[in-house]
Amino acid sequence: MLEVHNGSDMTLPYLSVGARWREDNSTLEGGFWLPVANIRPGKTAVIKHEGYDYQADHQSLEIFMLPYPEPEDRQRYWEFGEP
């Protein structure tokens, strides 16, 4: 479960986040998206998402914000996909 705060003045359908964890002396990195359409501006909610539960030990999993997308990166972010 992840707590998400909408600090913007708009609502997005999704929020893309990064995930990384260490396994056998290597670091694996990926990401997933969270459905956040129900979190209105100024509100906070807990989102249940399994993310990489099937692969990662919760102690070694780190969730992080992805960098702000440049125009050439926007297709990789679910927030900017076609409705």
PDB file of N, CA and C in Angstrom:
ATOM      1  N   MET A   1       0.836  -1.175   0.000  1.00  0.00           N
ATOM      2  CA  MET A   1       0.000   0.000   0.000  1.00  0.00           C
ATOM      3  C   MET A   1       0.885   1.245   0.000  1.00  0.00           C
ATOM      4  N   LEU A   2       0.452   2.241  -0.749  1.00  0.00           N
ATOM      5  CA  LEU A   2       1.212   3.482  -0.854  1.00  0.00           C
ATOM      6  C   LEU A   2       0.302   4.668  -0.555  1.00  0.00           C
ATOM      7  N   GLU A   3       0.795   5.596   0.225  1.00  0.00           N
ATOM      8  CA  GLU A   3       0.053   6.819   0.498  1.00  0.00           C
ATOM      9  C   GLU A   3       0.449   7.862  -0.540  1.00  0.00           C
ATOM     10  N   VAL A   4      -0.550   8.442  -1.204  1.00  0.00           N
ATOM     11  CA  VAL A   4      -0.307   9.416  -2.266  1.00  0.00           C
ATOM     12  C   VAL A   4      -1.035  10.712  -1.926  1.00  0.00           C
ATOM     13  N   HIS A   5      -0.311  11.812  -1.999  1.00  0.00           N
ATOM     14  CA  HIS A   5      -0.903  13.136  -1.777  1.00  0.00           C
ATOM     15  C   HIS A   5      -0.936  13.881  -3.107  1.00  0.00           C
ATOM     16  N   ASN A   6      -2.081  14.459  -3.435  1.00  0.00           N
ATOM     17  CA  ASN A   6      -2.211  15.266  -4.644  1.00  0.00           C
ATOM     18  C   ASN A   6      -1.978  16.724  -4.249  1.00  0.00           C
ATOM     19  N   GLY A   7      -0.780  17.204  -4.473  1.00  0.00           N
ATOM     20  CA  GLY A   7      -0.430  18.578  -4.140  1.00  0.00           C
ATOM     21  C   GLY A   7      -0.598  19.530  -5.305  1.00  0.00           C
ATOM     22  N   SER A   8      -1.225  19.079  -6.381  1.00  0.00           N
ATOM     23  CA  SER A   8      -1.399  19.932  -7.557  1.00  0.00           C
ATOM     24  C   SER A   8      -2.791  20.548  -7.565  1.00  0.00           C
ATOM     25  N   ASP A   9      -3.081  21.276  -8.623  1.00  0.00           N
ATOM     26  CA  ASP A   9      -4.411  21.876  -8.768  1.00  0.00           C
ATOM     27  C   ASP A   9      -5.242  21.115  -9.794  1.00  0.00           C
ATOM     28  N   MET A  10      -4.811  19.900 -10.128  1.00  0.00           N
ATOM     29  CA  MET A  10      -5.546  19.075 -11.085  1.00  0.00           C
ATOM     30  C   MET A  10      -5.536  17.616 -10.636  1.00  0.00           C
ATOM     31  N   THR A  11      -6.343  16.801 -11.304  1.00  0.00           N
ATOM     32  CA  THR A  11      -6.412  15.375 -11.024  1.00  0.00           C
ATOM     33  C   THR A  11      -5.908  14.614 -12.243  1.00  0.00           C
ATOM     34  N   LEU A  12      -5.034  13.658 -12.018  1.00  0.00           N
ATOM     35  CA  LEU A  12      -4.515  12.810 -13.088  1.00  0.00           C
ATOM     36  C   LEU A  12      -5.160  11.431 -13.008  1.00  0.00           C
ATOM     37  N   PRO A  13      -5.262  10.726 -14.130  1.00  0.00           N
ATOM     38  CA  PRO A  13      -5.797   9.363 -14.065  1.00  0.00           C
ATOM     39  C   PRO A  13      -4.806   8.387 -13.438  1.00  0.00           C
ATOM     40  N   TYR A  14      -3.515   8.603 -13.667  1.00  0.00           N
ATOM     41  CA  TYR A  14      -2.465   7.715 -13.168  1.00  0.00           C
ATOM     42  C   TYR A  14      -1.280   8.524 -12.670  1.00  0.00           C
ATOM     43  N   LEU A  15      -0.455   7.879 -11.853  1.00  0.00           N
ATOM     44  CA  LEU A  15       0.811   8.442 -11.411  1.00  0.00           C
ATOM     45  C   LEU A  15       1.871   7.377 -11.627  1.00  0.00           C
ATOM     46  N   SER A  16       2.850   7.676 -12.443  1.00  0.00           N
ATOM     47  CA  SER A  16       3.950   6.741 -12.683  1.00  0.00           C
ATOM     48  C   SER A  16       4.998   6.906 -11.585  1.00  0.00           C
ATOM     49  N   VAL A  17       5.439   5.788 -11.021  1.00  0.00           N
ATOM     50  CA  VAL A  17       6.468   5.815  -9.986  1.00  0.00           C
ATOM     51  C   VAL A  17       7.565   4.816 -10.353  1.00  0.00           C
ATOM     52  N   GLY A  18       8.739   5.032  -9.815  1.00  0.00           N
ATOM     53  CA  GLY A  18       9.849   4.116 -10.026  1.00  0.00           C
ATOM     54  C   GLY A  18       9.949   3.146  -8.866  1.00  0.00           C
ATOM     55  N   ALA A  19      10.583   2.019  -9.126  1.00  0.00           N
ATOM     56  CA  ALA A  19      10.820   1.009  -8.084  1.00  0.00           C
ATOM     57  C   ALA A  19      12.196   0.418  -8.311  1.00  0.00           C
ATOM     58  N   ARG A  20      12.939   0.255  -7.221  1.00  0.00           N
ATOM     59  CA  ARG A  20      14.246  -0.406  -7.341  1.00  0.00           C
ATOM     60  C   ARG A  20      14.468  -1.266  -6.102  1.00  0.00           C
ATOM     61  N   TRP A  21      15.224  -2.312  -6.308  1.00  0.00           N
ATOM     62  CA  TRP A  21      15.591  -3.182  -5.195  1.00  0.00           C
ATOM     63  C   TRP A  21      16.902  -3.874  -5.508  1.00  0.00           C
ATOM     64  N   ARG A  22      17.533  -4.332  -4.447  1.00  0.00           N
ATOM     65  CA  ARG A  22      18.808  -5.031  -4.569  1.00  0.00           C
ATOM     66  C   ARG A  22      18.563  -6.528  -4.418  1.00  0.00           C
ATOM     67  N   GLU A  23      19.240  -7.254  -5.276  1.00  0.00           N
ATOM     68  CA  GLU A  23      19.123  -8.704  -5.230  1.00  0.00           C
ATOM     69  C   GLU A  23      20.431  -9.309  -5.718  1.00  0.00           C
ATOM     70  N   ASP A  24      21.030 -10.158  -4.934  1.00  0.00           N
ATOM     71  CA  ASP A  24      22.281 -10.832  -5.311  1.00  0.00           C
ATOM     72  C   ASP A  24      23.346  -9.854  -5.799  1.00  0.00           C
ATOM     73  N   ASN A  25      23.633  -8.837  -4.995  1.00  0.00           N
ATOM     74  CA  ASN A  25      24.666  -7.836  -5.296  1.00  0.00           C
ATOM     75  C   ASN A  25      24.423  -7.036  -6.575  1.00  0.00           C
ATOM     76  N   SER A  26      23.192  -6.977  -7.048  1.00  0.00           N
ATOM     77  CA  SER A  26      22.874  -6.132  -8.196  1.00  0.00           C
ATOM     78  C   SER A  26      21.626  -5.314  -7.858  1.00  0.00           C
ATOM     79  N   THR A  27      21.447  -4.224  -8.567  1.00  0.00           N
ATOM     80  CA  THR A  27      20.276  -3.381  -8.372  1.00  0.00           C
ATOM     81  C   THR A  27      19.384  -3.504  -9.589  1.00  0.00           C
ATOM     82  N   LEU A  28      18.135  -3.830  -9.357  1.00  0.00           N
ATOM     83  CA  LEU A  28      17.149  -3.920 -10.421  1.00  0.00           C
ATOM     84  C   LEU A  28      16.244  -2.693 -10.323  1.00  0.00           C
ATOM     85  N   GLU A  29      15.908  -2.109 -11.450  1.00  0.00           N
ATOM     86  CA  GLU A  29      15.090  -0.899 -11.444  1.00  0.00           C
ATOM     87  C   GLU A  29      13.974  -1.026 -12.464  1.00  0.00           C
ATOM     88  N   GLY A  30      12.802  -0.568 -12.094  1.00  0.00           N
ATOM     89  CA  GLY A  30      11.639  -0.603 -12.972  1.00  0.00           C
ATOM     90  C   GLY A  30      10.660   0.463 -12.546  1.00  0.00           C
ATOM     91  N   GLY A  31       9.414   0.232 -12.794  1.00  0.00           N
ATOM     92  CA  GLY A  31       8.400   1.195 -12.409  1.00  0.00           C
ATOM     93  C   GLY A  31       7.016   0.624 -12.624  1.00  0.00           C
ATOM     94  N   PHE A  32       6.031   1.335 -12.154  1.00  0.00           N
ATOM     95  CA  PHE A  32       4.633   0.968 -12.366  1.00  0.00           C
ATOM     96  C   PHE A  32       3.785   2.216 -12.203  1.00  0.00           C
ATOM     97  N   TRP A  33       2.517   2.115 -12.507  1.00  0.00           N
ATOM     98  CA  TRP A  33       1.633   3.266 -12.389  1.00  0.00           C
ATOM     99  C   TRP A  33       0.572   2.976 -11.346  1.00  0.00           C
ATOM    100  N   LEU A  34       0.139   4.048 -10.712  1.00  0.00           N
ATOM    101  CA  LEU A  34      -0.901   3.960  -9.690  1.00  0.00           C
ATOM    102  C   LEU A  34      -2.170   4.636 -10.201  1.00  0.00           C
ATOM    103  N   PRO A  35      -3.338   4.040 -10.014  1.00  0.00           N
ATOM    104  CA  PRO A  35      -4.585   4.702 -10.391  1.00  0.00           C
ATOM    105  C   PRO A  35      -4.936   5.760  -9.335  1.00  0.00           C
ATOM    106  N   VAL A  36      -4.832   7.027  -9.691  1.00  0.00           N
ATOM    107  CA  VAL A  36      -5.030   8.110  -8.719  1.00  0.00           C
ATOM    108  C   VAL A  36      -6.162   9.064  -9.102  1.00  0.00           C
ATOM    109  N   ALA A  37      -7.024   8.668 -10.030  1.00  0.00           N
ATOM    110  CA  ALA A  37      -8.087   9.553 -10.514  1.00  0.00           C
ATOM    111  C   ALA A  37      -9.041   9.996  -9.402  1.00  0.00           C
ATOM    112  N   ASN A  38      -9.119   9.239  -8.330  1.00  0.00           N
ATOM    113  CA  ASN A  38     -10.037   9.587  -7.239  1.00  0.00           C
ATOM    114  C   ASN A  38      -9.409  10.500  -6.186  1.00  0.00           C
ATOM    115  N   ILE A  39      -8.167  10.892  -6.361  1.00  0.00           N
ATOM    116  CA  ILE A  39      -7.511  11.759  -5.368  1.00  0.00           C
ATOM    117  C   ILE A  39      -7.587  13.199  -5.869  1.00  0.00           C
ATOM    118  N   ARG A  40      -8.455  13.967  -5.286  1.00  0.00           N
ATOM    119  CA  ARG A  40      -8.674  15.354  -5.688  1.00  0.00           C
ATOM    120  C   ARG A  40      -7.542  16.250  -5.178  1.00  0.00           C
ATOM    121  N   PRO A  41      -7.372  17.412  -5.780  1.00  0.00           N
ATOM    122  CA  PRO A  41      -6.332  18.348  -5.333  1.00  0.00           C
ATOM    123  C   PRO A  41      -6.412  18.613  -3.823  1.00  0.00           C
ATOM    124  N   GLY A  42      -5.263  18.557  -3.187  1.00  0.00           N
ATOM    125  CA  GLY A  42      -5.174  18.806  -1.751  1.00  0.00           C
ATOM    126  C   GLY A  42      -5.504  17.606  -0.885  1.00  0.00           C
ATOM    127  N   LYS A  43      -5.882  16.495  -1.469  1.00  0.00           N
ATOM    128  CA  LYS A  43      -6.282  15.301  -0.713  1.00  0.00           C
ATOM    129  C   LYS A  43      -5.190  14.235  -0.730  1.00  0.00           C
ATOM    130  N   THR A  44      -5.281  13.330   0.225  1.00  0.00           N
ATOM    131  CA  THR A  44      -4.348  12.210   0.349  1.00  0.00           C
ATOM    132  C   THR A  44      -5.163  10.928   0.424  1.00  0.00           C
ATOM    133  N   ALA A  45      -4.666   9.866  -0.199  1.00  0.00           N
ATOM    134  CA  ALA A  45      -5.349   8.571  -0.152  1.00  0.00           C
ATOM    135  C   ALA A  45      -4.313   7.464  -0.142  1.00  0.00           C
ATOM    136  N   VAL A  46      -4.723   6.318   0.339  1.00  0.00           N
ATOM    137  CA  VAL A  46      -3.885   5.127   0.327  1.00  0.00           C
ATOM    138  C   VAL A  46      -4.314   4.284  -0.869  1.00  0.00           C
ATOM    139  N   ILE A  47      -3.335   3.953  -1.708  1.00  0.00           N
ATOM    140  CA  ILE A  47      -3.590   3.157  -2.899  1.00  0.00           C
ATOM    141  C   ILE A  47      -3.031   1.757  -2.676  1.00  0.00           C
ATOM    142  N   LYS A  48      -3.874   0.763  -2.837  1.00  0.00           N
ATOM    143  CA  LYS A  48      -3.404  -0.618  -2.735  1.00  0.00           C
ATOM    144  C   LYS A  48      -2.923  -1.031  -4.119  1.00  0.00           C
ATOM    145  N   HIS A  49      -1.655  -1.386  -4.193  1.00  0.00           N
ATOM    146  CA  HIS A  49      -1.065  -1.803  -5.456  1.00  0.00           C
ATOM    147  C   HIS A  49       0.000  -2.836  -5.165  1.00  0.00           C
ATOM    148  N   GLU A  50       0.006  -3.894  -5.937  1.00  0.00           N
ATOM    149  CA  GLU A  50       0.961  -4.958  -5.684  1.00  0.00           C
ATOM    150  C   GLU A  50       2.337  -4.685  -6.254  1.00  0.00           C
ATOM    151  N   GLY A  51       2.437  -3.754  -7.192  1.00  0.00           N
ATOM    152  CA  GLY A  51       3.745  -3.393  -7.727  1.00  0.00           C
ATOM    153  C   GLY A  51       4.571  -4.617  -8.068  1.00  0.00           C
ATOM    154  N   TYR A  52       5.681  -4.786  -7.383  1.00  0.00           N
ATOM    155  CA  TYR A  52       6.577  -5.915  -7.618  1.00  0.00           C
ATOM    156  C   TYR A  52       6.523  -6.910  -6.473  1.00  0.00           C
ATOM    157  N   ASP A  53       5.369  -7.031  -5.835  1.00  0.00           N
ATOM    158  CA  ASP A  53       5.244  -7.954  -4.703  1.00  0.00           C
ATOM    159  C   ASP A  53       5.697  -9.364  -5.042  1.00  0.00           C
ATOM    160  N   TYR A  54       5.463  -9.795  -6.252  1.00  0.00           N
ATOM    161  CA  TYR A  54       5.804 -11.161  -6.634  1.00  0.00           C
ATOM    162  C   TYR A  54       7.315 -11.355  -6.812  1.00  0.00           C
ATOM    163  N   GLN A  55       8.082 -10.258  -6.934  1.00  0.00           N
ATOM    164  CA  GLN A  55       9.516 -10.364  -7.169  1.00  0.00           C
ATOM    165  C   GLN A  55      10.382  -9.842  -6.028  1.00  0.00           C
ATOM    166  N   ALA A  56       9.914  -8.841  -5.332  1.00  0.00           N
ATOM    167  CA  ALA A  56      10.807  -8.132  -4.413  1.00  0.00           C
ATOM    168  C   ALA A  56      10.419  -8.342  -2.953  1.00  0.00           C
ATOM    169  N   ASP A  57      11.436  -8.438  -2.147  1.00  0.00           N
ATOM    170  CA  ASP A  57      11.273  -8.442  -0.697  1.00  0.00           C
ATOM    171  C   ASP A  57      10.954  -7.001  -0.296  1.00  0.00           C
ATOM    172  N   HIS A  58       9.915  -6.805   0.491  1.00  0.00           N
ATOM    173  CA  HIS A  58       9.503  -5.441   0.869  1.00  0.00           C
ATOM    174  C   HIS A  58      10.609  -4.662   1.571  1.00  0.00           C
ATOM    175  N   GLN A  59      11.492  -5.344   2.262  1.00  0.00           N
ATOM    176  CA  GLN A  59      12.576  -4.656   2.965  1.00  0.00           C
ATOM    177  C   GLN A  59      13.576  -4.042   1.997  1.00  0.00           C
ATOM    178  N   SER A  60      13.731  -4.629   0.822  1.00  0.00           N
ATOM    179  CA  SER A  60      14.724  -4.131  -0.121  1.00  0.00           C
ATOM    180  C   SER A  60      14.117  -3.294  -1.246  1.00  0.00           C
ATOM    181  N   LEU A  61      12.798  -3.145  -1.271  1.00  0.00           N
ATOM    182  CA  LEU A  61      12.124  -2.390  -2.319  1.00  0.00           C
ATOM    183  C   LEU A  61      12.063  -0.908  -1.970  1.00  0.00           C
ATOM    184  N   GLU A  62      12.452  -0.068  -2.901  1.00  0.00           N
ATOM    185  CA  GLU A  62      12.395   1.381  -2.732  1.00  0.00           C
ATOM    186  C   GLU A  62      11.507   1.963  -3.828  1.00  0.00           C
ATOM    187  N   ILE A  63      10.495   2.726  -3.442  1.00  0.00           N
ATOM    188  CA  ILE A  63       9.624   3.428  -4.389  1.00  0.00           C
ATOM    189  C   ILE A  63      10.137   4.859  -4.471  1.00  0.00           C
ATOM    190  N   PHE A  64      10.240   5.410  -5.682  1.00  0.00           N
ATOM    191  CA  PHE A  64      10.747   6.771  -5.821  1.00  0.00           C
ATOM    192  C   PHE A  64      10.024   7.510  -6.937  1.00  0.00           C
ATOM    193  N   MET A  65      10.086   8.829  -6.864  1.00  0.00           N
ATOM    194  CA  MET A  65       9.485   9.668  -7.895  1.00  0.00           C
ATOM    195  C   MET A  65      10.352   9.617  -9.143  1.00  0.00           C
ATOM    196  N   LEU A  66       9.718   9.513 -10.282  1.00  0.00           N
ATOM    197  CA  LEU A  66      10.433   9.566 -11.550  1.00  0.00           C
ATOM    198  C   LEU A  66      10.749  11.017 -11.884  1.00  0.00           C
ATOM    199  N   PRO A  67      11.769  11.258 -12.700  1.00  0.00           N
ATOM    200  CA  PRO A  67      12.078  12.635 -13.075  1.00  0.00           C
ATOM    201  C   PRO A  67      10.946  13.249 -13.887  1.00  0.00           C
ATOM    202  N   TYR A  68      10.869  14.562 -13.851  1.00  0.00           N
ATOM    203  CA  TYR A  68       9.861  15.263 -14.632  1.00  0.00           C
ATOM    204  C   TYR A  68      10.064  14.907 -16.101  1.00  0.00           C
ATOM    205  N   PRO A  69       9.012  14.503 -16.806  1.00  0.00           N
ATOM    206  CA  PRO A  69       9.188  14.049 -18.187  1.00  0.00           C
ATOM    207  C   PRO A  69       9.459  15.193 -19.162  1.00  0.00           C
ATOM    208  N   GLU A  70      10.456  15.003 -19.976  1.00  0.00           N
ATOM    209  CA  GLU A  70      10.719  15.911 -21.081  1.00  0.00           C
ATOM    210  C   GLU A  70       9.787  15.515 -22.222  1.00  0.00           C
ATOM    211  N   PRO A  71       9.577  16.401 -23.200  1.00  0.00           N
ATOM    212  CA  PRO A  71       8.648  16.065 -24.297  1.00  0.00           C
ATOM    213  C   PRO A  71       8.937  14.708 -24.952  1.00  0.00           C
ATOM    214  N   GLU A  72      10.192  14.363 -25.113  1.00  0.00           N
ATOM    215  CA  GLU A  72      10.519  13.090 -25.762  1.00  0.00           C
ATOM    216  C   GLU A  72      10.256  11.874 -24.870  1.00  0.00           C
ATOM    217  N   ASP A  73      10.037  12.083 -23.555  1.00  0.00           N
ATOM    218  CA  ASP A  73       9.790  10.986 -22.613  1.00  0.00           C
ATOM    219  C   ASP A  73       8.318  10.767 -22.313  1.00  0.00           C
ATOM    220  N   ARG A  74       7.461  11.662 -22.717  1.00  0.00           N
ATOM    221  CA  ARG A  74       6.068  11.641 -22.273  1.00  0.00           C
ATOM    222  C   ARG A  74       5.336  10.337 -22.596  1.00  0.00           C
ATOM    223  N   GLN A  75       5.692   9.653 -23.667  1.00  0.00           N
ATOM    224  CA  GLN A  75       4.998   8.411 -24.019  1.00  0.00           C
ATOM    225  C   GLN A  75       5.269   7.308 -23.006  1.00  0.00           C
ATOM    226  N   ARG A  76       6.302   7.440 -22.187  1.00  0.00           N
ATOM    227  CA  ARG A  76       6.616   6.431 -21.168  1.00  0.00           C
ATOM    228  C   ARG A  76       5.827   6.636 -19.881  1.00  0.00           C
ATOM    229  N   TYR A  77       5.119   7.739 -19.753  1.00  0.00           N
ATOM    230  CA  TYR A  77       4.363   8.058 -18.541  1.00  0.00           C
ATOM    231  C   TYR A  77       2.872   7.866 -18.807  1.00  0.00           C
ATOM    232  N   TRP A  78       2.224   7.032 -17.989  1.00  0.00           N
ATOM    233  CA  TRP A  78       0.811   6.757 -18.159  1.00  0.00           C
ATOM    234  C   TRP A  78      -0.046   8.007 -18.010  1.00  0.00           C
ATOM    235  N   GLU A  79       0.412   8.990 -17.266  1.00  0.00           N
ATOM    236  CA  GLU A  79      -0.353  10.198 -17.036  1.00  0.00           C
ATOM    237  C   GLU A  79      -0.693  10.920 -18.341  1.00  0.00           C
ATOM    238  N   PHE A  80       0.166  10.754 -19.328  1.00  0.00           N
ATOM    239  CA  PHE A  80       0.015  11.498 -20.580  1.00  0.00           C
ATOM    240  C   PHE A  80      -0.544  10.646 -21.706  1.00  0.00           C
ATOM    241  N   GLY A  81      -1.013   9.453 -21.385  1.00  0.00           N
ATOM    242  CA  GLY A  81      -1.566   8.571 -22.408  1.00  0.00           C
ATOM    243  C   GLY A  81      -2.933   9.037 -22.886  1.00  0.00           C
ATOM    244  N   GLU A  82      -3.354   8.455 -23.965  1.00  0.00           N
ATOM    245  CA  GLU A  82      -4.676   8.770 -24.506  1.00  0.00           C
ATOM    246  C   GLU A  82      -5.743   8.200 -23.575  1.00  0.00           C
ATOM    247  N   PRO A  83      -6.829   8.955 -23.329  1.00  0.00           N
ATOM    248  CA  PRO A  83      -7.895   8.463 -22.439  1.00  0.00           C
ATOM    249  C   PRO A  83      -8.628   7.267 -23.018  1.00  0.00           C
TER     250      PRO A  83
END
